[in-house]
Amino acid sequence: MIVFFLYGGMVWGIFPRDPAISFEYHLAGAALGVLMAFILRNFDSKLPKKHYDWEDEDDEDDIIGDQWREQER
């Protein structure tokens, strides 16, 4: 509710209170911003998948939990 209250007030910035400022430009800018965000959402190339050295290691030790202690004895 707090986030909605704080950020919800930004919507009213589309409609300026000063009569000397036209609200059409603010409204068009907001609409164009939303439209361009929707259109360009997949424009950036995908980041390469991270690959770590430890992923290549073969895990030959299949001992789980405390069983490794029993094997050493």
N, C-alpha and C. Protein backbone atom coordinates (compact mmCIF):
# COMPACT_ATOMS: atom_id res chain seq x y z
N MET A 1 0.82 -1.19 0.00
CA MET A 1 0.00 0.00 0.00
C MET A 1 0.87 1.26 0.00
N ILE A 2 1.99 1.19 0.73
CA ILE A 2 2.87 2.36 0.79
C ILE A 2 3.48 2.63 -0.58
N VAL A 3 3.94 1.58 -1.25
CA VAL A 3 4.53 1.75 -2.58
C VAL A 3 3.48 2.28 -3.55
N PHE A 4 2.29 1.74 -3.49
CA PHE A 4 1.22 2.22 -4.36
C PHE A 4 0.93 3.70 -4.09
N PHE A 5 0.92 4.07 -2.84
CA PHE A 5 0.65 5.46 -2.48
C PHE A 5 1.76 6.39 -2.97
N LEU A 6 3.03 5.97 -2.78
CA LEU A 6 4.15 6.83 -3.15
C LEU A 6 4.31 6.94 -4.66
N TYR A 7 4.25 5.79 -5.35
CA TYR A 7 4.45 5.83 -6.81
C TYR A 7 3.16 6.15 -7.56
N GLY A 8 2.03 5.95 -6.94
CA GLY A 8 0.76 6.27 -7.58
C GLY A 8 0.60 7.76 -7.82
N GLY A 9 1.26 8.56 -7.01
CA GLY A 9 1.19 10.01 -7.21
C GLY A 9 1.91 10.47 -8.46
N MET A 10 2.79 9.62 -9.00
CA MET A 10 3.51 9.99 -10.22
C MET A 10 2.57 10.06 -11.42
N VAL A 11 1.47 9.32 -11.34
CA VAL A 11 0.51 9.33 -12.45
C VAL A 11 -0.06 10.73 -12.63
N TRP A 12 -0.26 11.43 -11.54
CA TRP A 12 -0.85 12.77 -11.64
C TRP A 12 0.13 13.77 -12.24
N GLY A 13 1.41 13.40 -12.37
CA GLY A 13 2.37 14.27 -13.03
C GLY A 13 2.13 14.40 -14.52
N ILE A 14 1.33 13.51 -15.07
CA ILE A 14 0.96 13.60 -16.48
C ILE A 14 0.09 14.83 -16.71
N PHE A 15 -0.68 15.19 -15.71
CA PHE A 15 -1.59 16.33 -15.82
C PHE A 15 -1.04 17.49 -15.00
N PRO A 16 -0.25 18.37 -15.62
CA PRO A 16 0.32 19.50 -14.88
C PRO A 16 -0.76 20.41 -14.32
N ARG A 17 -0.46 21.03 -13.19
CA ARG A 17 -1.42 21.92 -12.54
C ARG A 17 -1.32 23.35 -13.04
N ASP A 18 -0.18 23.66 -13.66
CA ASP A 18 0.02 25.02 -14.17
C ASP A 18 -0.68 25.15 -15.52
N PRO A 19 -1.59 26.13 -15.67
CA PRO A 19 -2.32 26.28 -16.94
C PRO A 19 -1.41 26.67 -18.11
N ALA A 20 -0.21 27.18 -17.84
CA ALA A 20 0.69 27.57 -18.92
C ALA A 20 1.40 26.36 -19.53
N ILE A 21 1.32 25.21 -18.87
CA ILE A 21 1.97 24.00 -19.37
C ILE A 21 0.90 23.09 -19.96
N SER A 22 1.13 22.66 -21.20
CA SER A 22 0.14 21.81 -21.85
C SER A 22 0.30 20.36 -21.39
N PHE A 23 -0.80 19.73 -21.06
CA PHE A 23 -0.74 18.36 -20.58
C PHE A 23 -0.59 17.37 -21.73
N GLU A 24 -0.86 17.81 -22.96
CA GLU A 24 -0.78 16.90 -24.10
C GLU A 24 0.63 16.34 -24.28
N TYR A 25 1.64 17.18 -24.08
CA TYR A 25 3.02 16.72 -24.25
C TYR A 25 3.40 15.72 -23.15
N HIS A 26 2.95 15.97 -21.95
CA HIS A 26 3.23 15.04 -20.87
C HIS A 26 2.51 13.70 -21.11
N LEU A 27 1.27 13.77 -21.52
CA LEU A 27 0.51 12.56 -21.78
C LEU A 27 1.10 11.79 -22.97
N ALA A 28 1.49 12.48 -24.03
CA ALA A 28 2.10 11.82 -25.18
C ALA A 28 3.45 11.21 -24.80
N GLY A 29 4.23 11.89 -23.99
CA GLY A 29 5.51 11.35 -23.55
C GLY A 29 5.35 10.10 -22.71
N ALA A 30 4.37 10.08 -21.83
CA ALA A 30 4.11 8.90 -21.01
C ALA A 30 3.64 7.74 -21.88
N ALA A 31 2.73 8.01 -22.80
CA ALA A 31 2.22 6.95 -23.68
C ALA A 31 3.34 6.42 -24.58
N LEU A 32 4.17 7.30 -25.12
CA LEU A 32 5.27 6.86 -25.97
C LEU A 32 6.31 6.07 -25.18
N GLY A 33 6.56 6.48 -23.95
CA GLY A 33 7.50 5.74 -23.11
C GLY A 33 7.02 4.32 -22.83
N VAL A 34 5.76 4.15 -22.53
CA VAL A 34 5.20 2.82 -22.30
C VAL A 34 5.22 2.00 -23.59
N LEU A 35 4.87 2.62 -24.70
CA LEU A 35 4.87 1.92 -25.99
C LEU A 35 6.27 1.47 -26.38
N MET A 36 7.26 2.34 -26.24
CA MET A 36 8.64 1.99 -26.62
C MET A 36 9.21 0.93 -25.68
N ALA A 37 8.86 0.97 -24.41
CA ALA A 37 9.31 -0.07 -23.48
C ALA A 37 8.74 -1.42 -23.90
N PHE A 38 7.52 -1.45 -24.35
CA PHE A 38 6.90 -2.70 -24.80
C PHE A 38 7.54 -3.18 -26.10
N ILE A 39 7.78 -2.29 -27.04
CA ILE A 39 8.34 -2.66 -28.34
C ILE A 39 9.80 -3.10 -28.20
N LEU A 40 10.59 -2.41 -27.40
CA LEU A 40 12.03 -2.67 -27.31
C LEU A 40 12.42 -3.61 -26.18
N ARG A 41 11.48 -4.32 -25.59
CA ARG A 41 11.80 -5.18 -24.45
C ARG A 41 12.75 -6.31 -24.80
N ASN A 42 12.78 -6.76 -26.05
CA ASN A 42 13.68 -7.84 -26.47
C ASN A 42 14.79 -7.35 -27.39
N PHE A 43 15.03 -6.07 -27.43
CA PHE A 43 16.00 -5.49 -28.36
C PHE A 43 17.44 -5.80 -27.97
N ASP A 44 17.74 -5.80 -26.68
CA ASP A 44 19.10 -6.09 -26.23
C ASP A 44 19.42 -7.56 -26.49
N SER A 45 20.68 -7.81 -26.82
CA SER A 45 21.10 -9.19 -27.03
C SER A 45 21.16 -9.90 -25.68
N LYS A 46 20.99 -11.21 -25.73
CA LYS A 46 21.02 -12.00 -24.51
C LYS A 46 22.45 -12.09 -24.00
N LEU A 47 22.62 -12.07 -22.70
CA LEU A 47 23.93 -12.23 -22.10
C LEU A 47 24.38 -13.67 -22.24
N PRO A 48 25.68 -13.88 -22.42
CA PRO A 48 26.14 -15.27 -22.52
C PRO A 48 25.95 -15.99 -21.19
N LYS A 49 25.65 -17.28 -21.28
CA LYS A 49 25.45 -18.07 -20.08
C LYS A 49 26.79 -18.22 -19.37
N LYS A 50 26.80 -17.97 -18.07
CA LYS A 50 28.03 -18.08 -17.30
C LYS A 50 28.41 -19.55 -17.17
N HIS A 51 29.70 -19.80 -17.33
CA HIS A 51 30.21 -21.16 -17.22
C HIS A 51 31.39 -21.15 -16.27
N TYR A 52 31.32 -21.95 -15.24
CA TYR A 52 32.36 -21.99 -14.24
C TYR A 52 33.21 -23.24 -14.40
N ASP A 53 34.46 -23.16 -13.95
CA ASP A 53 35.38 -24.28 -14.07
C ASP A 53 34.89 -25.50 -13.31
N TRP A 54 34.30 -25.29 -12.17
CA TRP A 54 33.87 -26.42 -11.36
C TRP A 54 32.74 -27.20 -12.00
N GLU A 55 32.08 -26.62 -13.00
CA GLU A 55 31.02 -27.35 -13.69
C GLU A 55 31.58 -28.45 -14.59
N ASP A 56 32.84 -28.31 -15.00
CA ASP A 56 33.46 -29.30 -15.87
C ASP A 56 34.02 -30.49 -15.10
N GLU A 57 34.22 -30.35 -13.83
CA GLU A 57 34.82 -31.41 -13.03
C GLU A 57 33.88 -32.60 -12.92
N ASP A 58 34.44 -33.79 -13.08
CA ASP A 58 33.65 -35.00 -12.88
C ASP A 58 33.65 -35.33 -11.40
N ASP A 59 32.49 -35.50 -10.87
CA ASP A 59 32.37 -35.80 -9.44
C ASP A 59 32.36 -37.31 -9.26
N GLU A 60 33.55 -37.86 -9.05
CA GLU A 60 33.67 -39.31 -8.88
C GLU A 60 33.36 -39.72 -7.45
N ASP A 61 33.36 -38.77 -6.55
CA ASP A 61 33.10 -39.07 -5.15
C ASP A 61 31.59 -38.95 -4.91
N ASP A 62 30.93 -40.07 -4.91
CA ASP A 62 29.48 -40.08 -4.75
C ASP A 62 29.05 -40.27 -3.31
N ILE A 63 29.95 -40.06 -2.38
CA ILE A 63 29.65 -40.25 -0.97
C ILE A 63 28.89 -39.04 -0.46
N ILE A 64 27.79 -39.30 0.20
CA ILE A 64 26.91 -38.23 0.65
C ILE A 64 26.93 -38.15 2.16
N GLY A 65 26.86 -36.95 2.68
CA GLY A 65 26.73 -36.75 4.10
C GLY A 65 27.97 -37.15 4.86
N ASP A 66 27.79 -37.91 5.95
CA ASP A 66 28.90 -38.31 6.81
C ASP A 66 29.48 -39.66 6.41
N GLN A 67 29.08 -40.22 5.30
CA GLN A 67 29.60 -41.52 4.88
C GLN A 67 31.09 -41.45 4.56
N TRP A 68 31.63 -40.31 4.23
CA TRP A 68 33.06 -40.17 3.93
C TRP A 68 33.91 -40.47 5.15
N ARG A 69 33.37 -40.18 6.33
CA ARG A 69 34.11 -40.46 7.56
C ARG A 69 34.23 -41.97 7.78
N GLU A 70 33.18 -42.68 7.47
CA GLU A 70 33.18 -44.13 7.64
C GLU A 70 34.14 -44.79 6.65
N GLN A 71 34.28 -44.23 5.48
CA GLN A 71 35.13 -44.82 4.46
C GLN A 71 36.61 -44.67 4.82
N GLU A 72 36.98 -43.58 5.51
CA GLU A 72 38.37 -43.34 5.87
C GLU A 72 38.85 -44.32 6.93
N ARG A 73 37.98 -44.86 7.73
CA ARG A 73 38.36 -45.76 8.83
C ARG A 73 38.79 -47.09 8.35
